Amino acid sequence: MTKGTLLRNNRLLGALALTVLVAALTVAHLQGGLSMKLGEMMLSVQSQHEDGLVVSFVRAP
Protein backbone atom coordinates (compact mmCIF):
# COMPACT_ATOMS: atom_id res chain seq x y z
CA MET A 1 0.00 0.00 0.00
CA THR A 2 1.44 3.35 -0.99
CA LYS A 3 1.34 6.45 1.08
CA GLY A 4 -0.83 9.27 -0.23
CA THR A 5 -2.60 12.40 0.79
CA LEU A 6 -6.12 12.34 2.17
CA LEU A 7 -7.49 13.93 -1.02
CA ARG A 8 -6.35 10.93 -3.05
CA ASN A 9 -8.33 8.54 -0.88
CA ASN A 10 -11.40 7.53 -2.91
CA ARG A 11 -13.41 6.54 0.14
CA LEU A 12 -12.82 9.91 1.78
CA LEU A 13 -13.84 11.77 -1.39
CA GLY A 14 -16.97 9.65 -1.71
CA ALA A 15 -17.90 10.29 1.91
CA LEU A 16 -17.34 14.02 1.42
CA ALA A 17 -19.56 14.06 -1.68
CA LEU A 18 -22.31 12.16 0.14
CA THR A 19 -22.08 14.54 3.10
CA VAL A 20 -22.50 17.57 0.83
CA LEU A 21 -25.47 15.95 -0.94
CA VAL A 22 -27.20 15.02 2.33
CA ALA A 23 -26.62 18.53 3.71
CA ALA A 24 -28.08 20.05 0.52
CA LEU A 25 -31.13 17.79 0.71
CA THR A 26 -31.67 18.68 4.37
CA VAL A 27 -31.41 22.43 3.75
CA ALA A 28 -33.70 22.18 0.73
CA HIS A 29 -36.28 20.27 2.73
CA LEU A 30 -36.21 22.82 5.57
CA GLN A 31 -36.01 25.97 3.43
CA GLY A 32 -38.11 24.94 0.45
CA GLY A 33 -35.40 24.87 -2.22
CA LEU A 34 -31.69 25.13 -2.97
CA SER A 35 -29.42 25.60 -5.98
CA MET A 36 -25.65 25.06 -6.04
CA LYS A 37 -23.19 25.46 -8.90
CA LEU A 38 -20.52 22.77 -8.87
CA GLY A 39 -18.05 23.49 -11.64
CA GLU A 40 -19.98 23.18 -14.91
CA MET A 41 -22.92 21.40 -13.26
CA MET A 42 -25.77 22.88 -11.27
CA LEU A 43 -27.54 20.96 -8.51
CA SER A 44 -31.12 22.09 -7.95
CA VAL A 45 -33.26 20.70 -5.13
CA GLN A 46 -36.87 21.86 -4.83
CA SER A 47 -39.50 20.92 -2.28
CA GLN A 48 -42.43 18.95 -3.70
CA HIS A 49 -45.97 18.43 -2.42
CA GLU A 50 -46.52 15.80 0.26
CA ASP A 51 -42.96 15.74 1.70
CA GLY A 52 -41.11 14.99 -1.53
CA LEU A 53 -37.96 16.48 -3.05
CA VAL A 54 -37.11 16.97 -6.71
CA VAL A 55 -33.35 16.71 -7.37
CA SER A 56 -31.96 17.72 -10.75
CA PHE A 57 -28.50 18.12 -12.21
CA VAL A 58 -28.23 20.47 -15.18
CA ARG A 59 -25.34 21.88 -17.15
CA ALA A 60 -24.69 25.44 -15.97
CA PRO A 61 -24.50 28.13 -18.68
PDB file of N, CA and C in Angstrom:
ATOM      1  N   MET A   1       0.844  -1.172   0.000  1.00  0.00           N
ATOM      2  CA  MET A   1       0.000   0.000   0.000  1.00  0.00           C
ATOM      3  C   MET A   1       0.890   1.236   0.000  1.00  0.00           C
ATOM      4  N   THR A   2       0.620   2.149  -0.911  1.00  0.00           N
ATOM      5  CA  THR A   2       1.438   3.351  -0.994  1.00  0.00           C
ATOM      6  C   THR A   2       0.861   4.449  -0.127  1.00  0.00           C
ATOM      7  N   LYS A   3       1.751   5.322   0.266  1.00  0.00           N
ATOM      8  CA  LYS A   3       1.345   6.451   1.078  1.00  0.00           C
ATOM      9  C   LYS A   3       0.805   7.548   0.165  1.00  0.00           C
ATOM     10  N   GLY A   4      -0.260   8.199   0.575  1.00  0.00           N
ATOM     11  CA  GLY A   4      -0.831   9.274  -0.233  1.00  0.00           C
ATOM     12  C   GLY A   4      -1.514  10.307   0.640  1.00  0.00           C
ATOM     13  N   THR A   5      -1.905  11.374   0.028  1.00  0.00           N
ATOM     14  CA  THR A   5      -2.603  12.399   0.793  1.00  0.00           C
ATOM     15  C   THR A   5      -4.047  11.982   0.996  1.00  0.00           C
ATOM     16  N   LEU A   6      -4.729  12.661   1.891  1.00  0.00           N
ATOM     17  CA  LEU A   6      -6.123  12.339   2.174  1.00  0.00           C
ATOM     18  C   LEU A   6      -7.016  12.614   0.971  1.00  0.00           C
ATOM     19  N   LEU A   7      -6.659  13.598   0.132  1.00  0.00           N
ATOM     20  CA  LEU A   7      -7.485  13.928  -1.015  1.00  0.00           C
ATOM     21  C   LEU A   7      -7.422  12.877  -2.111  1.00  0.00           C
ATOM     22  N   ARG A   8      -6.449  11.998  -2.058  1.00  0.00           N
ATOM     23  CA  ARG A   8      -6.354  10.928  -3.054  1.00  0.00           C
ATOM     24  C   ARG A   8      -7.079   9.671  -2.610  1.00  0.00           C
ATOM     25  N   ASN A   9      -7.613   9.694  -1.400  1.00  0.00           N
ATOM     26  CA  ASN A   9      -8.330   8.539  -0.883  1.00  0.00           C
ATOM     27  C   ASN A   9      -9.751   8.553  -1.432  1.00  0.00           C
ATOM     28  N   ASN A  10     -10.097   7.570  -2.260  1.00  0.00           N
ATOM     29  CA  ASN A  10     -11.405   7.526  -2.908  1.00  0.00           C
ATOM     30  C   ASN A  10     -12.551   7.402  -1.917  1.00  0.00           C
ATOM     31  N   ARG A  11     -12.347   6.681  -0.850  1.00  0.00           N
ATOM     32  CA  ARG A  11     -13.413   6.537   0.144  1.00  0.00           C
ATOM     33  C   ARG A  11     -13.687   7.856   0.840  1.00  0.00           C
ATOM     34  N   LEU A  12     -12.653   8.614   1.126  1.00  0.00           N
ATOM     35  CA  LEU A  12     -12.825   9.913   1.779  1.00  0.00           C
ATOM     36  C   LEU A  12     -13.538  10.894   0.852  1.00  0.00           C
ATOM     37  N   LEU A  13     -13.174  10.888  -0.433  1.00  0.00           N
ATOM     38  CA  LEU A  13     -13.842  11.769  -1.388  1.00  0.00           C
ATOM     39  C   LEU A  13     -15.309  11.383  -1.579  1.00  0.00           C
ATOM     40  N   GLY A  14     -15.591  10.110  -1.606  1.00  0.00           N
ATOM     41  CA  GLY A  14     -16.973   9.651  -1.709  1.00  0.00           C
ATOM     42  C   GLY A  14     -17.796  10.040  -0.492  1.00  0.00           C
ATOM     43  N   ALA A  15     -17.214   9.901   0.680  1.00  0.00           N
ATOM     44  CA  ALA A  15     -17.903  10.294   1.908  1.00  0.00           C
ATOM     45  C   ALA A  15     -18.146  11.797   1.946  1.00  0.00           C
ATOM     46  N   LEU A  16     -17.184  12.573   1.467  1.00  0.00           N
ATOM     47  CA  LEU A  16     -17.342  14.017   1.419  1.00  0.00           C
ATOM     48  C   LEU A  16     -18.457  14.412   0.452  1.00  0.00           C
ATOM     49  N   ALA A  17     -18.512  13.777  -0.706  1.00  0.00           N
ATOM     50  CA  ALA A  17     -19.562  14.064  -1.683  1.00  0.00           C
ATOM     51  C   ALA A  17     -20.938  13.697  -1.131  1.00  0.00           C
ATOM     52  N   LEU A  18     -21.044  12.562  -0.459  1.00  0.00           N
ATOM     53  CA  LEU A  18     -22.311  12.160   0.140  1.00  0.00           C
ATOM     54  C   LEU A  18     -22.738  13.119   1.251  1.00  0.00           C
ATOM     55  N   THR A  19     -21.782  13.591   2.035  1.00  0.00           N
ATOM     56  CA  THR A  19     -22.082  14.540   3.098  1.00  0.00           C
ATOM     57  C   THR A  19     -22.630  15.840   2.535  1.00  0.00           C
ATOM     58  N   VAL A  20     -22.022  16.341   1.461  1.00  0.00           N
ATOM     59  CA  VAL A  20     -22.500  17.570   0.829  1.00  0.00           C
ATOM     60  C   VAL A  20     -23.900  17.363   0.261  1.00  0.00           C
ATOM     61  N   LEU A  21     -24.152  16.223  -0.367  1.00  0.00           N
ATOM     62  CA  LEU A  21     -25.466  15.950  -0.935  1.00  0.00           C
ATOM     63  C   LEU A  21     -26.534  15.841   0.152  1.00  0.00           C
ATOM     64  N   VAL A  22     -26.237  15.154   1.240  1.00  0.00           N
ATOM     65  CA  VAL A  22     -27.199  15.021   2.333  1.00  0.00           C
ATOM     66  C   VAL A  22     -27.464  16.376   2.981  1.00  0.00           C
ATOM     67  N   ALA A  23     -26.429  17.195   3.150  1.00  0.00           N
ATOM     68  CA  ALA A  23     -26.617  18.533   3.708  1.00  0.00           C
ATOM     69  C   ALA A  23     -27.480  19.387   2.788  1.00  0.00           C
ATOM     70  N   ALA A  24     -27.273  19.296   1.482  1.00  0.00           N
ATOM     71  CA  ALA A  24     -28.075  20.051   0.519  1.00  0.00           C
ATOM     72  C   ALA A  24     -29.528  19.604   0.555  1.00  0.00           C
ATOM     73  N   LEU A  25     -29.761  18.306   0.639  1.00  0.00           N
ATOM     74  CA  LEU A  25     -31.127  17.794   0.710  1.00  0.00           C
ATOM     75  C   LEU A  25     -31.826  18.238   1.992  1.00  0.00           C
ATOM     76  N   THR A  26     -31.093  18.245   3.101  1.00  0.00           N
ATOM     77  CA  THR A  26     -31.666  18.682   4.372  1.00  0.00           C
ATOM     78  C   THR A  26     -32.035  20.150   4.339  1.00  0.00           C
ATOM     79  N   VAL A  27     -31.134  20.990   3.843  1.00  0.00           N
ATOM     80  CA  VAL A  27     -31.408  22.426   3.750  1.00  0.00           C
ATOM     81  C   VAL A  27     -32.571  22.687   2.805  1.00  0.00           C
ATOM     82  N   ALA A  28     -32.613  21.992   1.693  1.00  0.00           N
ATOM     83  CA  ALA A  28     -33.696  22.176   0.730  1.00  0.00           C
ATOM     84  C   ALA A  28     -35.039  21.775   1.327  1.00  0.00           C
ATOM     85  N   HIS A  29     -35.036  20.718   2.102  1.00  0.00           N
ATOM     86  CA  HIS A  29     -36.278  20.268   2.729  1.00  0.00           C
ATOM     87  C   HIS A  29     -36.756  21.286   3.761  1.00  0.00           C
ATOM     88  N   LEU A  30     -35.845  21.852   4.529  1.00  0.00           N
ATOM     89  CA  LEU A  30     -36.214  22.815   5.569  1.00  0.00           C
ATOM     90  C   LEU A  30     -36.545  24.186   5.004  1.00  0.00           C
ATOM     91  N   GLN A  31     -35.838  24.625   3.973  1.00  0.00           N
ATOM     92  CA  GLN A  31     -36.006  25.969   3.433  1.00  0.00           C
ATOM     93  C   GLN A  31     -36.926  26.040   2.221  1.00  0.00           C
ATOM     94  N   GLY A  32     -37.221  24.942   1.588  1.00  0.00           N
ATOM     95  CA  GLY A  32     -38.112  24.937   0.447  1.00  0.00           C
ATOM     96  C   GLY A  32     -37.416  24.872  -0.898  1.00  0.00           C
ATOM     97  N   GLY A  33     -36.115  24.963  -0.958  1.00  0.00           N
ATOM     98  CA  GLY A  33     -35.395  24.872  -2.224  1.00  0.00           C
ATOM     99  C   GLY A  33     -33.948  25.286  -2.078  1.00  0.00           C
ATOM    100  N   LEU A  34     -33.114  24.834  -3.018  1.00  0.00           N
ATOM    101  CA  LEU A  34     -31.691  25.130  -2.972  1.00  0.00           C
ATOM    102  C   LEU A  34     -31.090  24.907  -4.348  1.00  0.00           C
ATOM    103  N   SER A  35     -30.165  25.774  -4.737  1.00  0.00           N
ATOM    104  CA  SER A  35     -29.417  25.605  -5.982  1.00  0.00           C
ATOM    105  C   SER A  35     -27.941  25.837  -5.706  1.00  0.00           C
ATOM    106  N   MET A  36     -27.100  24.931  -6.211  1.00  0.00           N
ATOM    107  CA  MET A  36     -25.652  25.060  -6.045  1.00  0.00           C
ATOM    108  C   MET A  36     -24.977  24.839  -7.384  1.00  0.00           C
ATOM    109  N   LYS A  37     -23.984  25.648  -7.683  1.00  0.00           N
ATOM    110  CA  LYS A  37     -23.191  25.464  -8.895  1.00  0.00           C
ATOM    111  C   LYS A  37     -21.909  24.732  -8.516  1.00  0.00           C
ATOM    112  N   LEU A  38     -21.690  23.599  -9.146  1.00  0.00           N
ATOM    113  CA  LEU A  38     -20.524  22.766  -8.872  1.00  0.00           C
ATOM    114  C   LEU A  38     -19.734  22.616 -10.164  1.00  0.00           C
ATOM    115  N   GLY A  39     -18.809  23.515 -10.396  1.00  0.00           N
ATOM    116  CA  GLY A  39     -18.049  23.490 -11.642  1.00  0.00           C
ATOM    117  C   GLY A  39     -18.951  23.851 -12.805  1.00  0.00           C
ATOM    118  N   GLU A  40     -19.105  22.950 -13.757  1.00  0.00           N
ATOM    119  CA  GLU A  40     -19.979  23.184 -14.907  1.00  0.00           C
ATOM    120  C   GLU A  40     -21.370  22.597 -14.697  1.00  0.00           C
ATOM    121  N   MET A  41     -21.613  21.991 -13.558  1.00  0.00           N
ATOM    122  CA  MET A  41     -22.920  21.398 -13.264  1.00  0.00           C
ATOM    123  C   MET A  41     -23.636  22.226 -12.206  1.00  0.00           C
ATOM    124  N   MET A  42     -24.954  22.192 -12.257  1.00  0.00           N
ATOM    125  CA  MET A  42     -25.766  22.882 -11.268  1.00  0.00           C
ATOM    126  C   MET A  42     -26.697  21.878 -10.605  1.00  0.00           C
ATOM    127  N   LEU A  43     -26.671  21.834  -9.287  1.00  0.00           N
ATOM    128  CA  LEU A  43     -27.541  20.964  -8.510  1.00  0.00           C
ATOM    129  C   LEU A  43     -28.711  21.805  -8.029  1.00  0.00           C
ATOM    130  N   SER A  44     -29.916  21.381  -8.362  1.00  0.00           N
ATOM    131  CA  SER A  44     -31.121  22.085  -7.945  1.00  0.00           C
ATOM    132  C   SER A  44     -32.001  21.119  -7.178  1.00  0.00           C
ATOM    133  N   VAL A  45     -32.385  21.518  -5.963  1.00  0.00           N
ATOM    134  CA  VAL A  45     -33.256  20.702  -5.128  1.00  0.00           C
ATOM    135  C   VAL A  45     -34.450  21.558  -4.747  1.00  0.00           C
ATOM    136  N   GLN A  46     -35.643  21.116  -5.118  1.00  0.00           N
ATOM    137  CA  GLN A  46     -36.873  21.857  -4.831  1.00  0.00           C
ATOM    138  C   GLN A  46     -37.820  20.980  -4.014  1.00  0.00           C
ATOM    139  N   SER A  47     -38.518  21.618  -3.094  1.00  0.00           N
ATOM    140  CA  SER A  47     -39.498  20.915  -2.279  1.00  0.00           C
ATOM    141  C   SER A  47     -40.727  20.592  -3.118  1.00  0.00           C
ATOM    142  N   GLN A  48     -41.264  19.414  -2.935  1.00  0.00           N
ATOM    143  CA  GLN A  48     -42.426  18.945  -3.697  1.00  0.00           C
ATOM    144  C   GLN A  48     -43.596  18.764  -2.728  1.00  0.00           C
ATOM    145  N   HIS A  49     -44.799  18.667  -3.257  1.00  0.00           N
ATOM    146  CA  HIS A  49     -45.972  18.429  -2.422  1.00  0.00           C
ATOM    147  C   HIS A  49     -45.829  17.114  -1.673  1.00  0.00           C
ATOM    148  N   GLU A  50     -46.450  17.034  -0.516  1.00  0.00           N
ATOM    149  CA  GLU A  50     -46.520  15.798   0.265  1.00  0.00           C
ATOM    150  C   GLU A  50     -45.140  15.260   0.648  1.00  0.00           C
ATOM    151  N   ASP A  51     -44.277  16.131   1.157  1.00  0.00           N
ATOM    152  CA  ASP A  51     -42.964  15.736   1.701  1.00  0.00           C
ATOM    153  C   ASP A  51     -42.028  15.088   0.701  1.00  0.00           C
ATOM    154  N   GLY A  52     -42.026  15.517  -0.535  1.00  0.00           N
ATOM    155  CA  GLY A  52     -41.109  14.989  -1.531  1.00  0.00           C
ATOM    156  C   GLY A  52     -40.083  16.029  -1.926  1.00  0.00           C
ATOM    157  N   LEU A  53     -39.011  15.597  -2.543  1.00  0.00           N
ATOM    158  CA  LEU A  53     -37.964  16.484  -3.052  1.00  0.00           C
ATOM    159  C   LEU A  53     -37.686  16.137  -4.507  1.00  0.00           C
ATOM    160  N   VAL A  54     -37.482  17.164  -5.315  1.00  0.00           N
ATOM    161  CA  VAL A  54     -37.106  16.973  -6.715  1.00  0.00           C
ATOM    162  C   VAL A  54     -35.637  17.393  -6.835  1.00  0.00           C
ATOM    163  N   VAL A  55     -34.784  16.450  -7.219  1.00  0.00           N
ATOM    164  CA  VAL A  55     -33.345  16.708  -7.366  1.00  0.00           C
ATOM    165  C   VAL A  55     -33.020  16.662  -8.852  1.00  0.00           C
ATOM    166  N   SER A  56     -32.337  17.711  -9.333  1.00  0.00           N
ATOM    167  CA  SER A  56     -31.956  17.721 -10.748  1.00  0.00           C
ATOM    168  C   SER A  56     -30.554  18.271 -10.912  1.00  0.00           C
ATOM    169  N   PHE A  57     -29.819  17.659 -11.831  1.00  0.00           N
ATOM    170  CA  PHE A  57     -28.501  18.119 -12.210  1.00  0.00           C
ATOM    171  C   PHE A  57     -28.611  18.646 -13.633  1.00  0.00           C
ATOM    172  N   VAL A  58     -28.193  19.891 -13.848  1.00  0.00           N
ATOM    173  CA  VAL A  58     -28.234  20.471 -15.180  1.00  0.00           C
ATOM    174  C   VAL A  58     -26.886  21.108 -15.472  1.00  0.00           C
ATOM    175  N   ARG A  59     -26.588  21.244 -16.742  1.00  0.00           N
ATOM    176  CA  ARG A  59     -25.341  21.883 -17.148  1.00  0.00           C
ATOM    177  C   ARG A  59     -25.502  23.388 -17.000  1.00  0.00           C
ATOM    178  N   ALA A  60     -24.616  24.010 -16.232  1.00  0.00           N
ATOM    179  CA  ALA A  60     -24.690  25.444 -15.970  1.00  0.00           C
ATOM    180  C   ALA A  60     -24.229  26.219 -17.219  1.00  0.00           C
ATOM    181  N   PRO A  61     -24.887  27.343 -17.498  1.00  0.00           N
ATOM    182  CA  PRO A  61     -24.498  28.134 -18.675  1.00  0.00           C
ATOM    183  C   PRO A  61     -23.179  28.849 -18.471  1.00  0.00           C
TER     184      PRO A  61
END
